[in-house]
mmCIF file of all heavy atoms, coordinates in Angstrom:
data_MODEL
# 
_entry.id   MODEL 
# 
loop_
_atom_site.group_PDB 
_atom_site.id 
_atom_site.type_symbol 
_atom_site.label_atom_id 
_atom_site.label_alt_id 
_atom_site.label_comp_id 
_atom_site.label_asym_id 
_atom_site.label_entity_id 
_atom_site.label_seq_id 
_atom_site.pdbx_PDB_ins_code 
_atom_site.Cartn_x 
_atom_site.Cartn_y 
_atom_site.Cartn_z 
_atom_site.occupancy 
_atom_site.B_iso_or_equiv 
_atom_site.pdbx_formal_charge 
_atom_site.auth_seq_id 
_atom_site.auth_comp_id 
_atom_site.auth_asym_id 
_atom_site.auth_atom_id 
_atom_site.pdbx_PDB_model_num 
ATOM 1   N N   . GLY A 1 1  ? 73.314 12.972 20.263 1.00 0.00 ? 1  GLY A N   1 
ATOM 2   C CA  . GLY A 1 1  ? 74.176 11.919 19.744 1.00 0.00 ? 1  GLY A CA  1 
ATOM 3   C C   . GLY A 1 1  ? 73.826 11.424 18.357 1.00 0.00 ? 1  GLY A C   1 
ATOM 4   O O   . GLY A 1 1  ? 74.628 10.782 17.709 1.00 0.00 ? 1  GLY A O   1 
ATOM 5   N N   . GLY A 1 2  ? 72.586 11.655 17.916 1.00 0.00 ? 2  GLY A N   1 
ATOM 6   C CA  . GLY A 1 2  ? 72.188 11.229 16.578 1.00 0.00 ? 2  GLY A CA  1 
ATOM 7   C C   . GLY A 1 2  ? 71.577 9.836  16.554 1.00 0.00 ? 2  GLY A C   1 
ATOM 8   O O   . GLY A 1 2  ? 71.424 9.174  17.589 1.00 0.00 ? 2  GLY A O   1 
ATOM 9   N N   . ASP A 1 3  ? 71.224 9.410  15.354 1.00 0.00 ? 3  ASP A N   1 
ATOM 10  C CA  . ASP A 1 3  ? 70.591 8.105  15.171 1.00 0.00 ? 3  ASP A CA  1 
ATOM 11  C C   . ASP A 1 3  ? 71.425 6.987  15.773 1.00 0.00 ? 3  ASP A C   1 
ATOM 12  O O   . ASP A 1 3  ? 72.648 6.961  15.650 1.00 0.00 ? 3  ASP A O   1 
ATOM 13  C CB  . ASP A 1 3  ? 70.383 7.812  13.680 1.00 0.00 ? 3  ASP A CB  1 
ATOM 14  C CG  . ASP A 1 3  ? 69.232 8.596  13.087 1.00 0.00 ? 3  ASP A CG  1 
ATOM 15  O OD1 . ASP A 1 3  ? 68.357 9.041  13.853 1.00 0.00 ? 3  ASP A OD1 1 
ATOM 16  O OD2 . ASP A 1 3  ? 69.207 8.765  11.848 1.00 0.00 ? 3  ASP A OD2 1 
ATOM 17  N N   . LEU A 1 4  ? 70.743 6.070  16.419 1.00 0.00 ? 4  LEU A N   1 
ATOM 18  C CA  . LEU A 1 4  ? 71.310 4.843  16.996 1.00 0.00 ? 4  LEU A CA  1 
ATOM 19  C C   . LEU A 1 4  ? 72.293 5.086  18.148 1.00 0.00 ? 4  LEU A C   1 
ATOM 20  O O   . LEU A 1 4  ? 73.014 4.179  18.546 1.00 0.00 ? 4  LEU A O   1 
ATOM 21  C CB  . LEU A 1 4  ? 71.967 3.974  15.914 1.00 0.00 ? 4  LEU A CB  1 
ATOM 22  C CG  . LEU A 1 4  ? 71.043 3.528  14.786 1.00 0.00 ? 4  LEU A CG  1 
ATOM 23  C CD1 . LEU A 1 4  ? 71.838 2.824  13.696 1.00 0.00 ? 4  LEU A CD1 1 
ATOM 24  C CD2 . LEU A 1 4  ? 69.950 2.626  15.315 1.00 0.00 ? 4  LEU A CD2 1 
ATOM 25  N N   . HIS A 1 5  ? 72.312 6.281  18.665 1.00 0.00 ? 5  HIS A N   1 
ATOM 26  C CA  . HIS A 1 5  ? 73.253 6.599  19.743 1.00 0.00 ? 5  HIS A CA  1 
ATOM 27  C C   . HIS A 1 5  ? 72.595 6.369  21.105 1.00 0.00 ? 5  HIS A C   1 
ATOM 28  O O   . HIS A 1 5  ? 71.414 6.665  21.290 1.00 0.00 ? 5  HIS A O   1 
ATOM 29  C CB  . HIS A 1 5  ? 73.730 8.048  19.619 1.00 0.00 ? 5  HIS A CB  1 
ATOM 30  C CG  . HIS A 1 5  ? 74.996 8.324  20.350 1.00 0.00 ? 5  HIS A CG  1 
ATOM 31  N ND1 . HIS A 1 5  ? 75.032 8.578  21.696 1.00 0.00 ? 5  HIS A ND1 1 
ATOM 32  C CD2 . HIS A 1 5  ? 76.278 8.355  19.923 1.00 0.00 ? 5  HIS A CD2 1 
ATOM 33  C CE1 . HIS A 1 5  ? 76.282 8.773  22.073 1.00 0.00 ? 5  HIS A CE1 1 
ATOM 34  N NE2 . HIS A 1 5  ? 77.058 8.645  21.007 1.00 0.00 ? 5  HIS A NE2 1 
ATOM 35  N N   . GLU A 1 6  ? 73.359 5.841  22.035 1.00 0.00 ? 6  GLU A N   1 
ATOM 36  C CA  . GLU A 1 6  ? 72.848 5.599  23.390 1.00 0.00 ? 6  GLU A CA  1 
ATOM 37  C C   . GLU A 1 6  ? 72.374 6.881  24.058 1.00 0.00 ? 6  GLU A C   1 
ATOM 38  O O   . GLU A 1 6  ? 71.430 6.853  24.855 1.00 0.00 ? 6  GLU A O   1 
ATOM 39  C CB  . GLU A 1 6  ? 73.918 4.925  24.254 1.00 0.00 ? 6  GLU A CB  1 
ATOM 40  C CG  . GLU A 1 6  ? 74.148 3.482  23.902 1.00 0.00 ? 6  GLU A CG  1 
ATOM 41  C CD  . GLU A 1 6  ? 75.183 2.812  24.805 1.00 0.00 ? 6  GLU A CD  1 
ATOM 42  O OE1 . GLU A 1 6  ? 75.397 3.298  25.943 1.00 0.00 ? 6  GLU A OE1 1 
ATOM 43  O OE2 . GLU A 1 6  ? 75.757 1.813  24.364 1.00 0.00 ? 6  GLU A OE2 1 
ATOM 44  N N   . ASP A 1 7  ? 73.029 8.003  23.749 1.00 0.00 ? 7  ASP A N   1 
ATOM 45  C CA  . ASP A 1 7  ? 72.606 9.275  24.351 1.00 0.00 ? 7  ASP A CA  1 
ATOM 46  C C   . ASP A 1 7  ? 71.190 9.639  23.912 1.00 0.00 ? 7  ASP A C   1 
ATOM 47  O O   . ASP A 1 7  ? 70.424 10.227 24.691 1.00 0.00 ? 7  ASP A O   1 
ATOM 48  C CB  . ASP A 1 7  ? 73.574 10.401 23.993 1.00 0.00 ? 7  ASP A CB  1 
ATOM 49  C CG  . ASP A 1 7  ? 74.910 10.280 24.713 1.00 0.00 ? 7  ASP A CG  1 
ATOM 50  O OD1 . ASP A 1 7  ? 75.023 9.437  25.633 1.00 0.00 ? 7  ASP A OD1 1 
ATOM 51  O OD2 . ASP A 1 7  ? 75.851 11.006 24.339 1.00 0.00 ? 7  ASP A OD2 1 
ATOM 52  N N   . ALA A 1 8  ? 70.824 9.318  22.686 1.00 0.00 ? 8  ALA A N   1 
ATOM 53  C CA  . ALA A 1 8  ? 69.457 9.585  22.214 1.00 0.00 ? 8  ALA A CA  1 
ATOM 54  C C   . ALA A 1 8  ? 68.462 8.717  22.980 1.00 0.00 ? 8  ALA A C   1 
ATOM 55  O O   . ALA A 1 8  ? 67.374 9.183  23.360 1.00 0.00 ? 8  ALA A O   1 
ATOM 56  C CB  . ALA A 1 8  ? 69.353 9.337  20.710 1.00 0.00 ? 8  ALA A CB  1 
ATOM 57  N N   . GLU A 1 9  ? 68.830 7.466  23.246 1.00 0.00 ? 9  GLU A N   1 
ATOM 58  C CA  . GLU A 1 9  ? 67.969 6.567  24.012 1.00 0.00 ? 9  GLU A CA  1 
ATOM 59  C C   . GLU A 1 9  ? 67.817 7.073  25.451 1.00 0.00 ? 9  GLU A C   1 
ATOM 60  O O   . GLU A 1 9  ? 66.721 7.060  26.016 1.00 0.00 ? 9  GLU A O   1 
ATOM 61  C CB  . GLU A 1 9  ? 68.530 5.150  23.997 1.00 0.00 ? 9  GLU A CB  1 
ATOM 62  C CG  . GLU A 1 9  ? 68.511 4.539  22.604 1.00 0.00 ? 9  GLU A CG  1 
ATOM 63  C CD  . GLU A 1 9  ? 69.359 3.285  22.470 1.00 0.00 ? 9  GLU A CD  1 
ATOM 64  O OE1 . GLU A 1 9  ? 70.012 2.877  23.458 1.00 0.00 ? 9  GLU A OE1 1 
ATOM 65  O OE2 . GLU A 1 9  ? 69.353 2.711  21.369 1.00 0.00 ? 9  GLU A OE2 1 
ATOM 66  N N   . THR A 1 10 ? 68.905 7.555  26.021 1.00 0.00 ? 10 THR A N   1 
ATOM 67  C CA  . THR A 1 10 ? 68.875 8.122  27.371 1.00 0.00 ? 10 THR A CA  1 
ATOM 68  C C   . THR A 1 10 ? 68.009 9.376  27.397 1.00 0.00 ? 10 THR A C   1 
ATOM 69  O O   . THR A 1 10 ? 67.235 9.590  28.343 1.00 0.00 ? 10 THR A O   1 
ATOM 70  C CB  . THR A 1 10 ? 70.305 8.442  27.858 1.00 0.00 ? 10 THR A CB  1 
ATOM 71  O OG1 . THR A 1 10 ? 71.061 7.222  27.840 1.00 0.00 ? 10 THR A OG1 1 
ATOM 72  C CG2 . THR A 1 10 ? 70.307 9.032  29.252 1.00 0.00 ? 10 THR A CG2 1 
ATOM 73  N N   . PHE A 1 11 ? 68.119 10.198 26.354 1.00 0.00 ? 11 PHE A N   1 
ATOM 74  C CA  . PHE A 1 11 ? 67.292 11.403 26.254 1.00 0.00 ? 11 PHE A CA  1 
ATOM 75  C C   . PHE A 1 11 ? 65.814 11.029 26.242 1.00 0.00 ? 11 PHE A C   1 
ATOM 76  O O   . PHE A 1 11 ? 65.006 11.626 26.970 1.00 0.00 ? 11 PHE A O   1 
ATOM 77  C CB  . PHE A 1 11 ? 67.659 12.205 24.995 1.00 0.00 ? 11 PHE A CB  1 
ATOM 78  C CG  . PHE A 1 11 ? 66.677 13.297 24.690 1.00 0.00 ? 11 PHE A CG  1 
ATOM 79  C CD1 . PHE A 1 11 ? 66.657 14.457 25.444 1.00 0.00 ? 11 PHE A CD1 1 
ATOM 80  C CD2 . PHE A 1 11 ? 65.751 13.144 23.668 1.00 0.00 ? 11 PHE A CD2 1 
ATOM 81  C CE1 . PHE A 1 11 ? 65.730 15.463 25.177 1.00 0.00 ? 11 PHE A CE1 1 
ATOM 82  C CE2 . PHE A 1 11 ? 64.828 14.137 23.392 1.00 0.00 ? 11 PHE A CE2 1 
ATOM 83  C CZ  . PHE A 1 11 ? 64.809 15.303 24.153 1.00 0.00 ? 11 PHE A CZ  1 
ATOM 84  N N   . VAL A 1 12 ? 65.447 10.054 25.430 1.00 0.00 ? 12 VAL A N   1 
ATOM 85  C CA  . VAL A 1 12 ? 64.043 9.642  25.363 1.00 0.00 ? 12 VAL A CA  1 
ATOM 86  C C   . VAL A 1 12 ? 63.576 9.182  26.740 1.00 0.00 ? 12 VAL A C   1 
ATOM 87  O O   . VAL A 1 12 ? 62.485 9.543  27.183 1.00 0.00 ? 12 VAL A O   1 
ATOM 88  C CB  . VAL A 1 12 ? 63.833 8.544  24.297 1.00 0.00 ? 12 VAL A CB  1 
ATOM 89  C CG1 . VAL A 1 12 ? 62.436 7.951  24.378 1.00 0.00 ? 12 VAL A CG1 1 
ATOM 90  C CG2 . VAL A 1 12 ? 64.090 9.102  22.906 1.00 0.00 ? 12 VAL A CG2 1 
ATOM 91  N N   . ALA A 1 13 ? 64.393 8.409  27.435 1.00 0.00 ? 13 ALA A N   1 
ATOM 92  C CA  . ALA A 1 13 ? 64.028 7.938  28.778 1.00 0.00 ? 13 ALA A CA  1 
ATOM 93  C C   . ALA A 1 13 ? 63.830 9.100  29.739 1.00 0.00 ? 13 ALA A C   1 
ATOM 94  O O   . ALA A 1 13 ? 63.033 8.996  30.684 1.00 0.00 ? 13 ALA A O   1 
ATOM 95  C CB  . ALA A 1 13 ? 65.094 6.978  29.301 1.00 0.00 ? 13 ALA A CB  1 
ATOM 96  N N   . SER A 1 14 ? 64.518 10.205 29.505 1.00 0.00 ? 14 SER A N   1 
ATOM 97  C CA  . SER A 1 14 ? 64.393 11.355 30.405 1.00 0.00 ? 14 SER A CA  1 
ATOM 98  C C   . SER A 1 14 ? 63.139 12.189 30.143 1.00 0.00 ? 14 SER A C   1 
ATOM 99  O O   . SER A 1 14 ? 62.709 12.934 31.017 1.00 0.00 ? 14 SER A O   1 
ATOM 100 C CB  . SER A 1 14 ? 65.636 12.247 30.296 1.00 0.00 ? 14 SER A CB  1 
ATOM 101 O OG  . SER A 1 14 ? 65.621 12.992 29.085 1.00 0.00 ? 14 SER A OG  1 
ATOM 102 N N   . ILE A 1 15 ? 62.551 12.057 28.963 1.00 0.00 ? 15 ILE A N   1 
ATOM 103 C CA  . ILE A 1 15 ? 61.369 12.878 28.648 1.00 0.00 ? 15 ILE A CA  1 
ATOM 104 C C   . ILE A 1 15 ? 60.063 12.077 28.574 1.00 0.00 ? 15 ILE A C   1 
ATOM 105 O O   . ILE A 1 15 ? 58.985 12.666 28.571 1.00 0.00 ? 15 ILE A O   1 
ATOM 106 C CB  . ILE A 1 15 ? 61.552 13.667 27.335 1.00 0.00 ? 15 ILE A CB  1 
ATOM 107 C CG1 . ILE A 1 15 ? 61.697 12.724 26.143 1.00 0.00 ? 15 ILE A CG1 1 
ATOM 108 C CG2 . ILE A 1 15 ? 62.717 14.642 27.435 1.00 0.00 ? 15 ILE A CG2 1 
ATOM 109 C CD1 . ILE A 1 15 ? 61.583 13.409 24.781 1.00 0.00 ? 15 ILE A CD1 1 
ATOM 110 N N   . VAL A 1 16 ? 60.163 10.746 28.514 1.00 0.00 ? 16 VAL A N   1 
ATOM 111 C CA  . VAL A 1 16 ? 58.964 9.912  28.422 1.00 0.00 ? 16 VAL A CA  1 
ATOM 112 C C   . VAL A 1 16 ? 58.977 8.910  29.570 1.00 0.00 ? 16 VAL A C   1 
ATOM 113 O O   . VAL A 1 16 ? 59.928 8.153  29.722 1.00 0.00 ? 16 VAL A O   1 
ATOM 114 C CB  . VAL A 1 16 ? 58.904 9.157  27.069 1.00 0.00 ? 16 VAL A CB  1 
ATOM 115 C CG1 . VAL A 1 16 ? 57.645 8.310  26.989 1.00 0.00 ? 16 VAL A CG1 1 
ATOM 116 C CG2 . VAL A 1 16 ? 58.982 10.123 25.897 1.00 0.00 ? 16 VAL A CG2 1 
ATOM 117 N N   . SER A 1 17 ? 57.906 8.905  30.346 1.00 0.00 ? 17 SER A N   1 
ATOM 118 C CA  . SER A 1 17 ? 57.816 7.958  31.456 1.00 0.00 ? 17 SER A CA  1 
ATOM 119 C C   . SER A 1 17 ? 57.649 6.541  30.925 1.00 0.00 ? 17 SER A C   1 
ATOM 120 O O   . SER A 1 17 ? 56.933 6.311  29.951 1.00 0.00 ? 17 SER A O   1 
ATOM 121 C CB  . SER A 1 17 ? 56.616 8.292  32.345 1.00 0.00 ? 17 SER A CB  1 
ATOM 122 O OG  . SER A 1 17 ? 56.768 9.568  32.902 1.00 0.00 ? 17 SER A OG  1 
ATOM 123 N N   . PHE A 1 18 ? 58.306 5.628  31.578 1.00 0.00 ? 18 PHE A N   1 
ATOM 124 C CA  . PHE A 1 18 ? 58.148 4.218  31.219 1.00 0.00 ? 18 PHE A CA  1 
ATOM 125 C C   . PHE A 1 18 ? 56.757 3.741  31.618 1.00 0.00 ? 18 PHE A C   1 
ATOM 126 O O   . PHE A 1 18 ? 56.228 4.158  32.656 1.00 0.00 ? 18 PHE A O   1 
ATOM 127 C CB  . PHE A 1 18 ? 59.192 3.346  31.934 1.00 0.00 ? 18 PHE A CB  1 
ATOM 128 C CG  . PHE A 1 18 ? 60.588 3.514  31.407 1.00 0.00 ? 18 PHE A CG  1 
ATOM 129 C CD1 . PHE A 1 18 ? 61.591 4.043  32.206 1.00 0.00 ? 18 PHE A CD1 1 
ATOM 130 C CD2 . PHE A 1 18 ? 60.910 3.125  30.113 1.00 0.00 ? 18 PHE A CD2 1 
ATOM 131 C CE1 . PHE A 1 18 ? 62.878 4.189  31.730 1.00 0.00 ? 18 PHE A CE1 1 
ATOM 132 C CE2 . PHE A 1 18 ? 62.209 3.264  29.634 1.00 0.00 ? 18 PHE A CE2 1 
ATOM 133 C CZ  . PHE A 1 18 ? 63.190 3.798  30.436 1.00 0.00 ? 18 PHE A CZ  1 
ATOM 134 N N   . VAL A 1 19 ? 56.177 2.867  30.815 1.00 0.00 ? 19 VAL A N   1 
ATOM 135 C CA  . VAL A 1 19 ? 54.936 2.211  31.207 1.00 0.00 ? 19 VAL A CA  1 
ATOM 136 C C   . VAL A 1 19 ? 55.300 1.106  32.196 1.00 0.00 ? 19 VAL A C   1 
ATOM 137 O O   . VAL A 1 19 ? 56.476 0.755  32.330 1.00 0.00 ? 19 VAL A O   1 
ATOM 138 C CB  . VAL A 1 19 ? 54.175 1.628  29.982 1.00 0.00 ? 19 VAL A CB  1 
ATOM 139 C CG1 . VAL A 1 19 ? 53.751 2.732  29.038 1.00 0.00 ? 19 VAL A CG1 1 
ATOM 140 C CG2 . VAL A 1 19 ? 54.975 0.566  29.270 1.00 0.00 ? 19 VAL A CG2 1 
ATOM 141 N N   . PRO A 1 20 ? 54.317 0.530  32.906 1.00 0.00 ? 20 PRO A N   1 
ATOM 142 C CA  . PRO A 1 20 ? 54.664 -0.584 33.803 1.00 0.00 ? 20 PRO A CA  1 
ATOM 143 C C   . PRO A 1 20 ? 55.428 -1.670 33.046 1.00 0.00 ? 20 PRO A C   1 
ATOM 144 O O   . PRO A 1 20 ? 55.057 -2.031 31.927 1.00 0.00 ? 20 PRO A O   1 
ATOM 145 C CB  . PRO A 1 20 ? 53.290 -1.087 34.268 1.00 0.00 ? 20 PRO A CB  1 
ATOM 146 C CG  . PRO A 1 20 ? 52.408 0.121  34.172 1.00 0.00 ? 20 PRO A CG  1 
ATOM 147 C CD  . PRO A 1 20 ? 52.897 0.868  32.957 1.00 0.00 ? 20 PRO A CD  1 
ATOM 148 N N   . PHE A 1 21 ? 56.490 -2.138 33.628 1.00 0.00 ? 21 PHE A N   1 
ATOM 149 C CA  . PHE A 1 21 ? 57.373 -3.173 33.090 1.00 0.00 ? 21 PHE A CA  1 
ATOM 150 C C   . PHE A 1 21 ? 58.310 -2.659 31.998 1.00 0.00 ? 21 PHE A C   1 
ATOM 151 O O   . PHE A 1 21 ? 59.098 -3.413 31.466 1.00 0.00 ? 21 PHE A O   1 
ATOM 152 C CB  . PHE A 1 21 ? 56.594 -4.398 32.583 1.00 0.00 ? 21 PHE A CB  1 
ATOM 153 C CG  . PHE A 1 21 ? 55.643 -4.946 33.596 1.00 0.00 ? 21 PHE A CG  1 
ATOM 154 C CD1 . PHE A 1 21 ? 54.276 -4.799 33.442 1.00 0.00 ? 21 PHE A CD1 1 
ATOM 155 C CD2 . PHE A 1 21 ? 56.120 -5.571 34.742 1.00 0.00 ? 21 PHE A CD2 1 
ATOM 156 C CE1 . PHE A 1 21 ? 53.393 -5.295 34.397 1.00 0.00 ? 21 PHE A CE1 1 
ATOM 157 C CE2 . PHE A 1 21 ? 55.251 -6.075 35.694 1.00 0.00 ? 21 PHE A CE2 1 
ATOM 158 C CZ  . PHE A 1 21 ? 53.881 -5.933 35.522 1.00 0.00 ? 21 PHE A CZ  1 
ATOM 159 N N   . GLY A 1 22 ? 58.206 -1.393 31.641 1.00 0.00 ? 22 GLY A N   1 
ATOM 160 C CA  . GLY A 1 22 ? 59.119 -0.823 30.660 1.00 0.00 ? 22 GLY A CA  1 
ATOM 161 C C   . GLY A 1 22 ? 60.445 -0.496 31.307 1.00 0.00 ? 22 GLY A C   1 
ATOM 162 O O   . GLY A 1 22 ? 60.529 -0.332 32.517 1.00 0.00 ? 22 GLY A O   1 
ATOM 163 N N   . GLY A 1 23 ? 61.507 -0.400 30.496 1.00 0.00 ? 23 GLY A N   1 
ATOM 164 C CA  . GLY A 1 23 ? 62.780 -0.113 31.118 1.00 0.00 ? 23 GLY A CA  1 
ATOM 165 C C   . GLY A 1 23 ? 63.897 0.294  30.189 1.00 0.00 ? 23 GLY A C   1 
ATOM 166 O O   . GLY A 1 23 ? 64.972 0.615  30.651 1.00 0.00 ? 23 GLY A O   1 
ATOM 167 N N   . ALA A 1 24 ? 63.659 0.277  28.871 1.00 0.00 ? 24 ALA A N   1 
ATOM 168 C CA  . ALA A 1 24 ? 64.714 0.678  27.939 1.00 0.00 ? 24 ALA A CA  1 
ATOM 169 C C   . ALA A 1 24 ? 64.080 1.164  26.648 1.00 0.00 ? 24 ALA A C   1 
ATOM 170 O O   . ALA A 1 24 ? 62.956 0.795  26.306 1.00 0.00 ? 24 ALA A O   1 
ATOM 171 C CB  . ALA A 1 24 ? 65.647 -0.503 27.652 1.00 0.00 ? 24 ALA A CB  1 
ATOM 172 N N   . TRP A 1 25 ? 64.829 1.994  25.934 1.00 0.00 ? 25 TRP A N   1 
ATOM 173 C CA  . TRP A 1 25 ? 64.379 2.492  24.630 1.00 0.00 ? 25 TRP A CA  1 
ATOM 174 C C   . TRP A 1 25 ? 65.405 2.115  23.569 1.00 0.00 ? 25 TRP A C   1 
ATOM 175 O O   . TRP A 1 25 ? 66.608 2.196  23.816 1.00 0.00 ? 25 TRP A O   1 
ATOM 176 C CB  . TRP A 1 25 ? 64.238 4.014  24.652 1.00 0.00 ? 25 TRP A CB  1 
ATOM 177 C CG  . TRP A 1 25 ? 63.121 4.492  25.525 1.00 0.00 ? 25 TRP A CG  1 
ATOM 178 C CD1 . TRP A 1 25 ? 63.221 4.954  26.800 1.00 0.00 ? 25 TRP A CD1 1 
ATOM 179 C CD2 . TRP A 1 25 ? 61.738 4.548  25.186 1.00 0.00 ? 25 TRP A CD2 1 
ATOM 180 N NE1 . TRP A 1 25 ? 61.983 5.292  27.282 1.00 0.00 ? 25 TRP A NE1 1 
ATOM 181 C CE2 . TRP A 1 25 ? 61.053 5.061  26.309 1.00 0.00 ? 25 TRP A CE2 1 
ATOM 182 C CE3 . TRP A 1 25 ? 61.002 4.216  24.044 1.00 0.00 ? 25 TRP A CE3 1 
ATOM 183 C CZ2 . TRP A 1 25 ? 59.667 5.250  26.322 1.00 0.00 ? 25 TRP A CZ2 1 
ATOM 184 C CZ3 . TRP A 1 25 ? 59.628 4.399  24.062 1.00 0.00 ? 25 TRP A CZ3 1 
ATOM 185 C CH2 . TRP A 1 25 ? 58.972 4.911  25.180 1.00 0.00 ? 25 TRP A CH2 1 
ATOM 186 N N   . LYS A 1 26 ? 64.928 1.716  22.401 1.00 0.00 ? 26 LYS A N   1 
ATOM 187 C CA  . LYS A 1 26 ? 65.788 1.438  21.246 1.00 0.00 ? 26 LYS A CA  1 
ATOM 188 C C   . LYS A 1 26 ? 65.165 2.121  20.039 1.00 0.00 ? 26 LYS A C   1 
ATOM 189 O O   . LYS A 1 26 ? 63.957 2.008  19.793 1.00 0.00 ? 26 LYS A O   1 
ATOM 190 C CB  . LYS A 1 26 ? 65.914 -0.068 20.960 1.00 0.00 ? 26 LYS A CB  1 
ATOM 191 C CG  . LYS A 1 26 ? 66.806 -0.800 21.922 1.00 0.00 ? 26 LYS A CG  1 
ATOM 192 C CD  . LYS A 1 26 ? 68.245 -0.385 21.741 1.00 0.00 ? 26 LYS A CD  1 
ATOM 193 C CE  . LYS A 1 26 ? 69.128 -0.955 22.818 1.00 0.00 ? 26 LYS A CE  1 
ATOM 194 N NZ  . LYS A 1 26 ? 70.460 -0.404 22.805 1.00 0.00 ? 26 LYS A NZ  1 
ATOM 195 N N   . GLN A 1 27 ? 66.005 2.787  19.279 1.00 0.00 ? 27 GLN A N   1 
ATOM 196 C CA  . GLN A 1 27 ? 65.502 3.449  18.080 1.00 0.00 ? 27 GLN A CA  1 
ATOM 197 C C   . GLN A 1 27 ? 65.157 2.402  17.026 1.00 0.00 ? 27 GLN A C   1 
ATOM 198 O O   . GLN A 1 27 ? 65.818 1.374  16.894 1.00 0.00 ? 27 GLN A O   1 
ATOM 199 C CB  . GLN A 1 27 ? 66.543 4.430  17.534 1.00 0.00 ? 27 GLN A CB  1 
ATOM 200 C CG  . GLN A 1 27 ? 65.987 5.320  16.434 1.00 0.00 ? 27 GLN A CG  1 
ATOM 201 C CD  . GLN A 1 27 ? 66.960 6.406  16.026 1.00 0.00 ? 27 GLN A CD  1 
ATOM 202 O OE1 . GLN A 1 27 ? 68.076 6.499  16.542 1.00 0.00 ? 27 GLN A OE1 1 
ATOM 203 N NE2 . GLN A 1 27 ? 66.537 7.240  15.097 1.00 0.00 ? 27 GLN A NE2 1 
ATOM 204 N N   . THR A 1 28 ? 64.091 2.669  16.282 1.00 0.00 ? 28 THR A N   1 
ATOM 205 C CA  . THR A 1 28 ? 63.666 1.789  15.201 1.00 0.00 ? 28 THR A CA  1 
ATOM 206 C C   . THR A 1 28 ? 63.436 2.629  13.951 1.00 0.00 ? 28 THR A C   1 
ATOM 207 O O   . THR A 1 28 ? 63.137 3.815  14.043 1.00 0.00 ? 28 THR A O   1 
ATOM 208 C CB  . THR A 1 28 ? 62.399 0.998  15.600 1.00 0.00 ? 28 THR A CB  1 
ATOM 209 O OG1 . THR A 1 28 ? 62.058 0.089  14.558 1.00 0.00 ? 28 THR A OG1 1 
ATOM 210 C CG2 . THR A 1 28 ? 61.221 1.908  15.907 1.00 0.00 ? 28 THR A CG2 1 
ATOM 211 N N   . SER A 1 29 ? 63.626 2.032  12.811 1.00 0.00 ? 29 SER A N   1 
ATOM 212 C CA  . SER A 1 29 ? 63.505 2.758  11.547 1.00 0.00 ? 29 SER A CA  1 
ATOM 213 C C   . SER A 1 29 ? 62.165 2.481  10.891 1.00 0.00 ? 29 SER A C   1 
ATOM 214 O O   . SER A 1 29 ? 61.858 1.335  10.555 1.00 0.00 ? 29 SER A O   1 
ATOM 215 C CB  . SER A 1 29 ? 64.630 2.345  10.593 1.00 0.00 ? 29 SER A CB  1 
ATOM 216 O OG  . SER A 1 29 ? 64.394 2.862  9.298  1.00 0.00 ? 29 SER A OG  1 
# 
């Protein structure tokens, strides 16, 4: 999906396990 796209955030969630209390990813510059 590219920069700032929800699909990229979903992709990251699928390849990186959340730490305790983690639950979402947001791209930062």
